[in-house]
């Protein structure tokens, strides 16, 4: 699987507005915000060099981010950029890597994403991302 780089670090927050204010006060500008209905989250992207921080606020109490925040807060996942997410998933599947997503799902900015099970990456939730046709 070819990895092009770290796209973003996903950080779960209870309030996007409060988190954005805190990060702006630290000197991080907001690049964009949007709601990703399929994941039941509102997100804000903050550029950090060639990568970004992704702040995630749940919009539904049953969402994965809401459940995460019930137990802890902070770093939720690491997202790496891949050129072909279908090929990456097929390769990982053939190696017996535990996947959460067998097929890509819609992500922010028109991207396609898929998550690997944390046991595949030493306890870290790893997201694969293929950029959209923006």
N, C-alpha and C. Protein backbone atom coordinates (compact mmCIF):
# COMPACT_ATOMS: atom_id res chain seq x y z
N UNK A 1 0.86 -1.18 0.00
CA UNK A 1 0.00 0.00 0.00
C UNK A 1 0.89 1.23 0.00
N UNK A 2 0.67 2.12 -0.92
CA UNK A 2 1.44 3.36 -1.00
C UNK A 2 0.77 4.43 -0.15
N UNK A 3 1.54 5.01 0.77
CA UNK A 3 1.06 6.10 1.62
C UNK A 3 1.74 7.38 1.15
N UNK A 4 0.94 8.39 0.85
CA UNK A 4 1.47 9.66 0.34
C UNK A 4 1.87 10.62 1.45
N UNK A 5 1.32 10.43 2.64
CA UNK A 5 1.63 11.31 3.76
C UNK A 5 0.51 11.32 4.77
N UNK A 6 0.72 12.03 5.86
CA UNK A 6 -0.34 12.20 6.85
C UNK A 6 -1.24 13.32 6.37
N UNK A 7 -2.52 13.02 6.18
CA UNK A 7 -3.48 14.04 5.77
C UNK A 7 -3.91 14.87 6.96
N UNK A 8 -4.33 14.18 8.05
CA UNK A 8 -4.75 14.92 9.23
C UNK A 8 -4.75 14.04 10.46
N UNK A 9 -4.82 14.71 11.62
CA UNK A 9 -5.03 14.07 12.91
C UNK A 9 -6.42 14.47 13.36
N UNK A 10 -7.28 13.49 13.63
CA UNK A 10 -8.65 13.75 14.06
C UNK A 10 -8.72 13.89 15.56
N UNK A 11 -9.29 15.00 16.02
CA UNK A 11 -9.39 15.30 17.45
C UNK A 11 -10.86 15.47 17.80
N UNK A 12 -11.37 14.62 18.68
CA UNK A 12 -12.77 14.68 19.12
C UNK A 12 -12.93 15.79 20.14
N UNK A 13 -13.95 16.63 19.92
CA UNK A 13 -14.23 17.75 20.83
C UNK A 13 -15.73 17.82 21.12
N UNK A 14 -16.11 18.21 22.33
CA UNK A 14 -17.54 18.32 22.64
C UNK A 14 -18.20 19.53 21.99
N UNK A 15 -17.42 20.59 21.75
CA UNK A 15 -17.95 21.81 21.14
C UNK A 15 -16.97 22.32 20.09
N UNK A 16 -17.41 22.30 18.85
CA UNK A 16 -16.54 22.78 17.77
C UNK A 16 -16.24 24.27 17.93
N UNK A 17 -17.25 25.05 18.29
CA UNK A 17 -17.04 26.50 18.47
C UNK A 17 -15.99 26.78 19.53
N UNK A 18 -16.08 26.11 20.67
CA UNK A 18 -15.12 26.33 21.75
C UNK A 18 -13.72 25.87 21.34
N UNK A 19 -13.65 24.73 20.67
CA UNK A 19 -12.35 24.20 20.24
C UNK A 19 -11.70 25.11 19.20
N UNK A 20 -12.50 25.60 18.25
CA UNK A 20 -11.97 26.51 17.23
C UNK A 20 -11.41 27.77 17.89
N UNK A 21 -12.14 28.33 18.85
CA UNK A 21 -11.66 29.53 19.56
C UNK A 21 -10.33 29.25 20.25
N UNK A 22 -10.23 28.08 20.90
CA UNK A 22 -9.00 27.74 21.62
C UNK A 22 -7.83 27.57 20.65
N UNK A 23 -8.06 26.87 19.54
CA UNK A 23 -6.97 26.66 18.58
C UNK A 23 -6.60 27.94 17.85
N UNK A 24 -7.57 28.80 17.56
CA UNK A 24 -7.26 30.10 16.95
C UNK A 24 -6.41 30.95 17.90
N UNK A 25 -6.73 30.88 19.19
CA UNK A 25 -5.94 31.62 20.18
C UNK A 25 -4.50 31.11 20.23
N UNK A 26 -4.31 29.82 19.89
CA UNK A 26 -2.97 29.23 19.85
C UNK A 26 -2.24 29.56 18.54
N UNK A 27 -2.95 30.18 17.60
CA UNK A 27 -2.33 30.56 16.34
C UNK A 27 -2.64 29.67 15.16
N UNK A 28 -3.58 28.75 15.32
CA UNK A 28 -3.98 27.87 14.22
C UNK A 28 -5.15 28.49 13.46
N UNK A 29 -4.99 28.81 12.19
CA UNK A 29 -6.11 29.35 11.41
C UNK A 29 -7.04 28.23 10.97
N UNK A 30 -8.31 28.55 10.80
CA UNK A 30 -9.28 27.57 10.30
C UNK A 30 -9.29 27.65 8.77
N UNK A 31 -9.06 26.53 8.14
CA UNK A 31 -9.06 26.43 6.68
C UNK A 31 -10.48 26.28 6.13
N UNK A 32 -11.26 25.39 6.77
CA UNK A 32 -12.64 25.15 6.33
C UNK A 32 -13.41 24.44 7.42
N UNK A 33 -14.73 24.54 7.33
CA UNK A 33 -15.63 23.80 8.22
C UNK A 33 -16.74 23.20 7.36
N UNK A 34 -17.29 22.09 7.82
CA UNK A 34 -18.43 21.48 7.13
C UNK A 34 -19.08 20.45 8.03
N UNK A 35 -20.26 20.05 7.65
CA UNK A 35 -20.93 18.95 8.34
C UNK A 35 -20.85 17.73 7.45
N UNK A 36 -20.47 16.61 8.04
CA UNK A 36 -20.42 15.33 7.31
C UNK A 36 -21.56 14.49 7.87
N UNK A 37 -22.70 14.57 7.21
CA UNK A 37 -23.92 13.93 7.70
C UNK A 37 -23.75 12.42 7.83
N UNK A 38 -23.03 11.81 6.91
CA UNK A 38 -22.87 10.35 6.94
C UNK A 38 -22.11 9.88 8.17
N UNK A 39 -21.32 10.76 8.77
CA UNK A 39 -20.57 10.43 9.99
C UNK A 39 -21.15 11.10 11.23
N UNK A 40 -22.19 11.89 11.05
CA UNK A 40 -22.85 12.61 12.15
C UNK A 40 -21.86 13.48 12.92
N UNK A 41 -21.10 14.30 12.17
CA UNK A 41 -20.14 15.21 12.79
C UNK A 41 -20.10 16.54 12.05
N UNK A 42 -19.71 17.58 12.81
CA UNK A 42 -19.30 18.85 12.23
C UNK A 42 -17.79 18.87 12.37
N UNK A 43 -17.09 19.34 11.32
CA UNK A 43 -15.63 19.33 11.36
C UNK A 43 -15.07 20.70 11.01
N UNK A 44 -13.89 20.96 11.54
CA UNK A 44 -13.11 22.13 11.16
C UNK A 44 -11.70 21.63 10.86
N UNK A 45 -11.14 22.09 9.75
CA UNK A 45 -9.78 21.73 9.39
C UNK A 45 -8.85 22.91 9.62
N UNK A 46 -7.72 22.65 10.28
CA UNK A 46 -6.73 23.66 10.61
C UNK A 46 -5.39 23.22 10.03
N UNK A 47 -4.85 23.96 9.05
CA UNK A 47 -3.59 23.54 8.43
C UNK A 47 -2.41 23.62 9.38
N UNK A 48 -1.54 22.61 9.26
CA UNK A 48 -0.29 22.54 10.02
C UNK A 48 0.75 22.03 9.02
N UNK A 49 1.46 22.93 8.37
CA UNK A 49 2.40 22.52 7.33
C UNK A 49 1.63 21.86 6.19
N UNK A 50 2.08 20.69 5.80
CA UNK A 50 1.41 19.97 4.72
C UNK A 50 0.24 19.13 5.22
N UNK A 51 0.07 19.02 6.52
CA UNK A 51 -1.02 18.24 7.13
C UNK A 51 -2.04 19.18 7.75
N UNK A 52 -3.03 18.60 8.42
CA UNK A 52 -4.05 19.41 9.08
C UNK A 52 -4.48 18.74 10.38
N UNK A 53 -5.03 19.53 11.26
CA UNK A 53 -5.78 19.02 12.40
C UNK A 53 -7.24 19.03 11.98
N UNK A 54 -7.98 17.99 12.35
CA UNK A 54 -9.42 17.93 12.09
C UNK A 54 -10.13 17.87 13.44
N UNK A 55 -10.85 18.93 13.77
CA UNK A 55 -11.64 18.96 15.00
C UNK A 55 -13.01 18.38 14.67
N UNK A 56 -13.48 17.43 15.48
CA UNK A 56 -14.73 16.73 15.21
C UNK A 56 -15.71 16.87 16.37
N UNK A 57 -16.87 17.45 16.10
CA UNK A 57 -17.94 17.55 17.10
C UNK A 57 -19.09 16.64 16.65
N UNK A 58 -19.59 15.77 17.54
CA UNK A 58 -20.71 14.92 17.15
C UNK A 58 -22.00 15.72 16.97
N UNK A 59 -22.81 15.31 16.00
CA UNK A 59 -24.13 15.93 15.81
C UNK A 59 -25.25 14.99 16.22
N UNK A 60 -24.88 13.79 16.64
CA UNK A 60 -25.87 12.80 17.07
C UNK A 60 -25.26 12.00 18.22
N UNK A 61 -26.04 11.76 19.26
CA UNK A 61 -25.54 11.06 20.44
C UNK A 61 -25.13 9.62 20.16
N UNK A 62 -25.57 9.05 19.05
CA UNK A 62 -25.21 7.67 18.73
C UNK A 62 -24.01 7.57 17.78
N UNK A 63 -23.42 8.71 17.42
CA UNK A 63 -22.29 8.69 16.49
C UNK A 63 -21.03 8.13 17.16
N UNK A 64 -20.09 7.70 16.33
CA UNK A 64 -18.83 7.17 16.85
C UNK A 64 -18.08 8.21 17.67
N UNK A 65 -18.12 9.47 17.26
CA UNK A 65 -17.41 10.52 18.00
C UNK A 65 -18.09 10.78 19.34
N UNK A 66 -19.42 10.76 19.38
CA UNK A 66 -20.13 10.94 20.66
C UNK A 66 -19.78 9.81 21.63
N UNK A 67 -19.75 8.59 21.12
CA UNK A 67 -19.39 7.45 21.97
C UNK A 67 -17.95 7.56 22.46
N UNK A 68 -17.05 8.01 21.60
CA UNK A 68 -15.66 8.21 21.98
C UNK A 68 -15.57 9.22 23.12
N UNK A 69 -16.31 10.34 22.99
CA UNK A 69 -16.26 11.40 23.99
C UNK A 69 -16.85 10.97 25.33
N UNK A 70 -17.70 9.95 25.35
CA UNK A 70 -18.23 9.45 26.62
C UNK A 70 -17.15 8.80 27.46
N UNK A 71 -16.09 8.30 26.81
CA UNK A 71 -15.02 7.58 27.51
C UNK A 71 -13.76 8.42 27.67
N UNK A 72 -13.48 9.29 26.69
CA UNK A 72 -12.24 10.06 26.70
C UNK A 72 -12.39 11.24 25.75
N UNK A 73 -11.37 12.04 25.66
CA UNK A 73 -11.36 13.13 24.68
C UNK A 73 -9.98 13.19 24.06
N UNK A 74 -9.83 14.01 23.05
CA UNK A 74 -8.52 14.19 22.44
C UNK A 74 -8.37 13.44 21.13
N UNK A 75 -7.15 12.97 20.89
CA UNK A 75 -6.83 12.33 19.61
C UNK A 75 -7.73 11.13 19.36
N UNK A 76 -8.44 11.16 18.25
CA UNK A 76 -9.35 10.09 17.87
C UNK A 76 -8.74 9.18 16.82
N UNK A 77 -8.10 9.77 15.79
CA UNK A 77 -7.53 8.95 14.72
C UNK A 77 -6.41 9.68 13.97
N UNK A 78 -5.64 8.88 13.25
CA UNK A 78 -4.62 9.39 12.34
C UNK A 78 -5.07 9.03 10.93
N UNK A 79 -5.06 10.00 10.03
CA UNK A 79 -5.50 9.78 8.66
C UNK A 79 -4.31 9.90 7.71
N UNK A 80 -4.13 8.86 6.89
CA UNK A 80 -3.08 8.90 5.87
C UNK A 80 -3.72 8.95 4.49
N UNK A 81 -3.06 9.66 3.61
CA UNK A 81 -3.54 9.83 2.24
C UNK A 81 -3.00 8.70 1.37
N UNK A 82 -3.89 8.08 0.59
CA UNK A 82 -3.50 7.03 -0.35
C UNK A 82 -3.99 7.41 -1.74
N UNK A 83 -3.27 7.00 -2.79
CA UNK A 83 -3.69 7.39 -4.14
C UNK A 83 -4.92 6.63 -4.63
N UNK A 84 -5.11 5.39 -4.17
CA UNK A 84 -6.21 4.54 -4.63
C UNK A 84 -6.73 3.74 -3.45
N UNK A 85 -7.82 4.19 -2.85
CA UNK A 85 -8.31 3.56 -1.63
C UNK A 85 -8.84 2.15 -1.87
N UNK A 86 -9.41 1.91 -3.05
CA UNK A 86 -9.90 0.56 -3.35
C UNK A 86 -8.73 -0.43 -3.41
N UNK A 87 -7.65 -0.04 -4.06
CA UNK A 87 -6.47 -0.90 -4.15
C UNK A 87 -5.84 -1.10 -2.77
N UNK A 88 -5.80 -0.04 -1.96
CA UNK A 88 -5.23 -0.14 -0.62
C UNK A 88 -6.03 -1.12 0.23
N UNK A 89 -7.35 -1.01 0.20
CA UNK A 89 -8.19 -1.93 0.98
C UNK A 89 -8.04 -3.37 0.50
N UNK A 90 -7.98 -3.57 -0.81
CA UNK A 90 -7.81 -4.92 -1.35
C UNK A 90 -6.49 -5.52 -0.89
N UNK A 91 -5.42 -4.72 -0.93
CA UNK A 91 -4.11 -5.20 -0.50
C UNK A 91 -4.11 -5.54 0.99
N UNK A 92 -4.68 -4.65 1.80
CA UNK A 92 -4.72 -4.90 3.24
C UNK A 92 -5.56 -6.13 3.56
N UNK A 93 -6.70 -6.26 2.90
CA UNK A 93 -7.58 -7.42 3.09
C UNK A 93 -6.82 -8.71 2.75
N UNK A 94 -6.06 -8.70 1.65
CA UNK A 94 -5.31 -9.89 1.24
C UNK A 94 -4.22 -10.26 2.24
N UNK A 95 -3.75 -9.28 3.01
CA UNK A 95 -2.74 -9.52 4.04
C UNK A 95 -3.35 -9.92 5.39
N UNK A 96 -4.69 -9.97 5.44
CA UNK A 96 -5.37 -10.34 6.68
C UNK A 96 -5.47 -9.22 7.69
N UNK A 97 -5.31 -7.97 7.25
CA UNK A 97 -5.41 -6.82 8.16
C UNK A 97 -6.88 -6.60 8.52
N UNK A 98 -7.14 -6.38 9.80
CA UNK A 98 -8.51 -6.16 10.28
C UNK A 98 -9.00 -4.79 9.83
N UNK A 99 -10.11 -4.78 9.10
CA UNK A 99 -10.70 -3.55 8.59
C UNK A 99 -12.02 -3.27 9.30
N UNK A 100 -12.30 -2.02 9.55
CA UNK A 100 -13.64 -1.63 10.00
C UNK A 100 -14.52 -1.47 8.78
N UNK A 101 -13.97 -0.85 7.74
CA UNK A 101 -14.71 -0.61 6.50
C UNK A 101 -14.17 -1.51 5.39
N UNK A 102 -15.03 -2.36 4.86
CA UNK A 102 -14.65 -3.19 3.72
C UNK A 102 -14.65 -2.38 2.42
N UNK A 103 -15.48 -1.33 2.40
CA UNK A 103 -15.59 -0.46 1.23
C UNK A 103 -15.46 0.99 1.71
N UNK A 104 -14.97 1.87 0.84
CA UNK A 104 -14.87 3.28 1.22
C UNK A 104 -16.25 3.91 1.44
N UNK A 105 -16.25 4.94 2.29
CA UNK A 105 -17.47 5.71 2.54
C UNK A 105 -17.17 7.19 2.28
N UNK A 106 -18.21 8.00 2.13
CA UNK A 106 -17.98 9.43 1.87
C UNK A 106 -17.32 10.12 3.07
N UNK A 107 -16.36 10.99 2.77
CA UNK A 107 -15.70 11.77 3.80
C UNK A 107 -15.82 13.25 3.51
N UNK A 108 -15.18 14.05 4.31
CA UNK A 108 -15.22 15.51 4.14
C UNK A 108 -14.57 15.91 2.82
N UNK A 109 -15.06 17.00 2.25
CA UNK A 109 -14.47 17.54 1.04
C UNK A 109 -14.60 16.67 -0.19
N UNK A 110 -15.59 15.79 -0.20
CA UNK A 110 -15.80 14.92 -1.35
C UNK A 110 -14.81 13.76 -1.41
N UNK A 111 -14.09 13.52 -0.34
CA UNK A 111 -13.12 12.42 -0.31
C UNK A 111 -13.82 11.08 -0.07
N UNK A 112 -13.05 10.01 -0.21
CA UNK A 112 -13.52 8.67 0.16
C UNK A 112 -12.57 8.17 1.25
N UNK A 113 -13.16 7.60 2.31
CA UNK A 113 -12.38 7.18 3.46
C UNK A 113 -12.76 5.77 3.88
N UNK A 114 -11.85 5.15 4.63
CA UNK A 114 -12.10 3.85 5.23
C UNK A 114 -11.22 3.74 6.47
N UNK A 115 -11.72 3.05 7.48
CA UNK A 115 -10.99 2.90 8.72
C UNK A 115 -10.50 1.47 8.91
N UNK A 116 -9.29 1.36 9.46
CA UNK A 116 -8.73 0.07 9.84
C UNK A 116 -9.02 -0.14 11.31
N UNK A 117 -9.14 -1.38 11.73
CA UNK A 117 -9.37 -1.67 13.15
C UNK A 117 -8.14 -1.24 13.94
N UNK A 118 -8.32 -0.65 15.12
CA UNK A 118 -7.16 -0.21 15.91
C UNK A 118 -6.14 -1.32 16.19
N UNK A 119 -6.58 -2.58 16.28
CA UNK A 119 -5.60 -3.65 16.55
C UNK A 119 -4.63 -3.83 15.38
N UNK A 120 -4.96 -3.31 14.20
CA UNK A 120 -4.07 -3.41 13.05
C UNK A 120 -2.90 -2.44 13.15
N UNK A 121 -3.03 -1.39 13.95
CA UNK A 121 -1.99 -0.36 14.06
C UNK A 121 -1.61 -0.09 15.51
N UNK A 122 -1.46 -1.12 16.28
CA UNK A 122 -0.99 -0.97 17.66
C UNK A 122 -1.88 -0.16 18.55
N UNK A 123 -3.20 -0.24 18.33
CA UNK A 123 -4.16 0.46 19.17
C UNK A 123 -4.57 1.83 18.65
N UNK A 124 -4.05 2.24 17.50
CA UNK A 124 -4.40 3.53 16.91
C UNK A 124 -5.44 3.32 15.81
N UNK A 125 -6.50 4.11 15.84
CA UNK A 125 -7.49 4.08 14.77
C UNK A 125 -6.87 4.78 13.56
N UNK A 126 -6.72 4.04 12.47
CA UNK A 126 -6.08 4.57 11.27
C UNK A 126 -7.13 4.73 10.17
N UNK A 127 -7.17 5.92 9.60
CA UNK A 127 -8.09 6.23 8.51
C UNK A 127 -7.30 6.34 7.22
N UNK A 128 -7.80 5.71 6.16
CA UNK A 128 -7.25 5.88 4.82
C UNK A 128 -8.13 6.88 4.10
N UNK A 129 -7.49 7.76 3.32
CA UNK A 129 -8.26 8.79 2.60
C UNK A 129 -7.77 8.91 1.17
N UNK A 130 -8.72 8.92 0.26
CA UNK A 130 -8.45 9.24 -1.14
C UNK A 130 -9.12 10.57 -1.42
N UNK A 131 -8.34 11.54 -1.87
CA UNK A 131 -8.90 12.88 -2.10
C UNK A 131 -10.01 12.85 -3.11
N UNK A 132 -10.98 13.76 -2.93
CA UNK A 132 -12.08 13.91 -3.87
C UNK A 132 -11.65 14.68 -5.09
N UNK A 133 -12.58 14.82 -6.01
CA UNK A 133 -12.32 15.51 -7.27
C UNK A 133 -12.67 16.98 -7.17
N UNK A 134 -12.29 17.65 -6.06
CA UNK A 134 -12.61 19.07 -5.82
C UNK A 134 -12.20 19.94 -6.96
